[in-house]
Amino acid sequence: MTSLFSLDTFNDVNGESKAELKKDFSENYDKNKDGKLTREEMRHWVLPDDELAAEEPKKLMKEADDDKDGKLSIGEINKHLHAFMDTNLEENDETEHDEL
């Protein structure tokens, strides 16, 4: 099977970060331990089959879908921002967030 990804891809990462990436790569993603990700291993990395991925949208809908129409409007998202991101910030903290 053709390799699509390997740790050599991260040439611009510092040593400590690369060591962490390497550990995560080998323990969680490189199932056949050949140092490369196959198509199937990469699919698992990009689209993990974990419970959080299935449960989080249900939780968000339950908490933020005020009109129970099965859709989230911008107003509902803005009203329930705490459900979508860490809002334990000071009022004037301009820290950027990319949770969404």
Protein backbone atom coordinates (compact mmCIF):
# COMPACT_ATOMS: atom_id res chain seq x y z
CA MET A 1 0.00 0.00 0.00
CA THR A 2 1.29 3.47 -0.85
CA SER A 3 2.36 5.72 2.01
CA LEU A 4 0.69 9.12 2.07
CA PHE A 5 2.33 10.67 5.11
CA SER A 6 5.40 10.29 7.27
CA LEU A 7 7.06 12.19 10.11
CA ASP A 8 9.60 13.59 7.65
CA THR A 9 6.82 15.98 6.65
CA PHE A 10 7.45 18.01 9.83
CA ASN A 11 10.87 19.45 8.99
CA ASP A 12 9.98 22.92 10.30
CA VAL A 13 8.86 21.79 13.79
CA ASN A 14 11.11 22.35 16.83
CA GLY A 15 12.63 19.36 18.63
CA GLU A 16 10.25 19.19 21.60
CA SER A 17 7.16 19.49 19.41
CA LYS A 18 8.53 16.96 16.94
CA ALA A 19 9.13 14.47 19.77
CA GLU A 20 5.52 14.91 20.93
CA LEU A 21 4.22 14.53 17.36
CA LYS A 22 6.37 11.43 16.88
CA LYS A 23 5.04 9.81 20.06
CA ASP A 24 1.42 10.60 19.14
CA PHE A 25 2.02 9.42 15.58
CA SER A 26 3.48 6.07 16.61
CA GLU A 27 1.11 5.39 19.51
CA ASN A 28 -2.17 6.49 17.94
CA TYR A 29 -2.01 6.58 14.17
CA ASP A 30 0.70 4.34 12.70
CA LYS A 31 -1.14 1.09 13.37
CA ASN A 32 1.22 -1.12 11.32
CA LYS A 33 4.30 0.57 12.85
CA ASP A 34 6.06 1.19 9.52
CA GLY A 35 6.74 4.90 10.21
CA LYS A 36 4.24 6.02 7.57
CA LEU A 37 0.50 6.53 7.36
CA THR A 38 -1.41 4.53 4.81
CA ARG A 39 -4.67 5.79 3.34
CA GLU A 40 -6.66 3.92 6.02
CA GLU A 41 -4.45 5.18 8.87
CA MET A 42 -4.76 8.73 7.60
CA ARG A 43 -8.55 8.37 7.37
CA HIS A 44 -8.59 7.40 11.06
CA TRP A 45 -6.47 10.47 11.89
CA VAL A 46 -8.70 12.89 9.97
CA LEU A 47 -12.03 11.22 10.80
CA PRO A 48 -11.61 9.50 14.17
CA ASP A 49 -14.27 7.01 15.15
CA ASP A 50 -14.59 8.21 18.69
CA GLU A 51 -17.62 8.83 20.83
CA LEU A 52 -16.89 12.56 21.21
CA ALA A 53 -17.25 13.10 17.47
CA ALA A 54 -20.72 11.56 17.58
CA GLU A 55 -21.92 13.00 20.89
CA GLU A 56 -20.64 16.60 20.74
CA PRO A 57 -23.02 17.76 17.95
CA LYS A 58 -25.99 16.24 19.81
CA LYS A 59 -24.96 18.08 22.97
CA LEU A 60 -24.57 21.37 21.11
CA MET A 61 -27.95 21.01 19.43
CA LYS A 62 -29.66 20.19 22.72
CA GLU A 63 -28.10 23.18 24.43
CA ALA A 64 -28.31 25.81 21.67
CA ASP A 65 -31.30 24.93 19.44
CA ASP A 66 -33.79 27.13 21.30
CA ASP A 67 -36.61 26.82 18.75
CA LYS A 68 -36.04 23.04 18.37
CA ASP A 69 -36.05 23.20 14.55
CA GLY A 70 -32.97 20.98 14.20
CA LYS A 71 -30.85 23.88 12.92
CA LEU A 72 -28.65 26.46 14.60
CA SER A 73 -29.10 30.08 13.62
CA ILE A 74 -26.39 32.69 14.06
CA GLY A 75 -28.48 34.15 16.87
CA GLU A 76 -28.67 30.82 18.70
CA ILE A 77 -24.92 30.29 18.31
CA ASN A 78 -24.15 33.80 19.57
CA LYS A 79 -26.55 33.35 22.50
CA HIS A 80 -24.86 30.08 23.49
CA LEU A 81 -21.21 30.85 22.70
CA HIS A 82 -20.19 29.26 26.00
CA ALA A 83 -21.21 25.89 24.57
CA PHE A 84 -18.99 26.31 21.51
CA MET A 85 -15.83 27.77 23.03
CA ASP A 86 -13.99 28.53 26.22
CA THR A 87 -15.60 31.71 27.51
CA ASN A 88 -13.71 31.78 30.80
CA LEU A 89 -11.85 34.83 29.55
CA GLU A 90 -11.75 38.33 30.90
CA GLU A 91 -14.32 40.62 29.27
CA ASN A 92 -11.70 42.57 27.29
CA ASP A 93 -9.34 39.68 26.52
CA GLU A 94 -8.74 39.64 22.77
CA THR A 95 -7.25 36.16 22.63
CA GLU A 96 -8.17 34.50 19.35
CA HIS A 97 -10.06 31.22 19.32
CA ASP A 98 -10.42 28.74 16.51
CA GLU A 99 -12.71 26.12 18.09
CA LEU A 100 -15.25 26.57 15.36
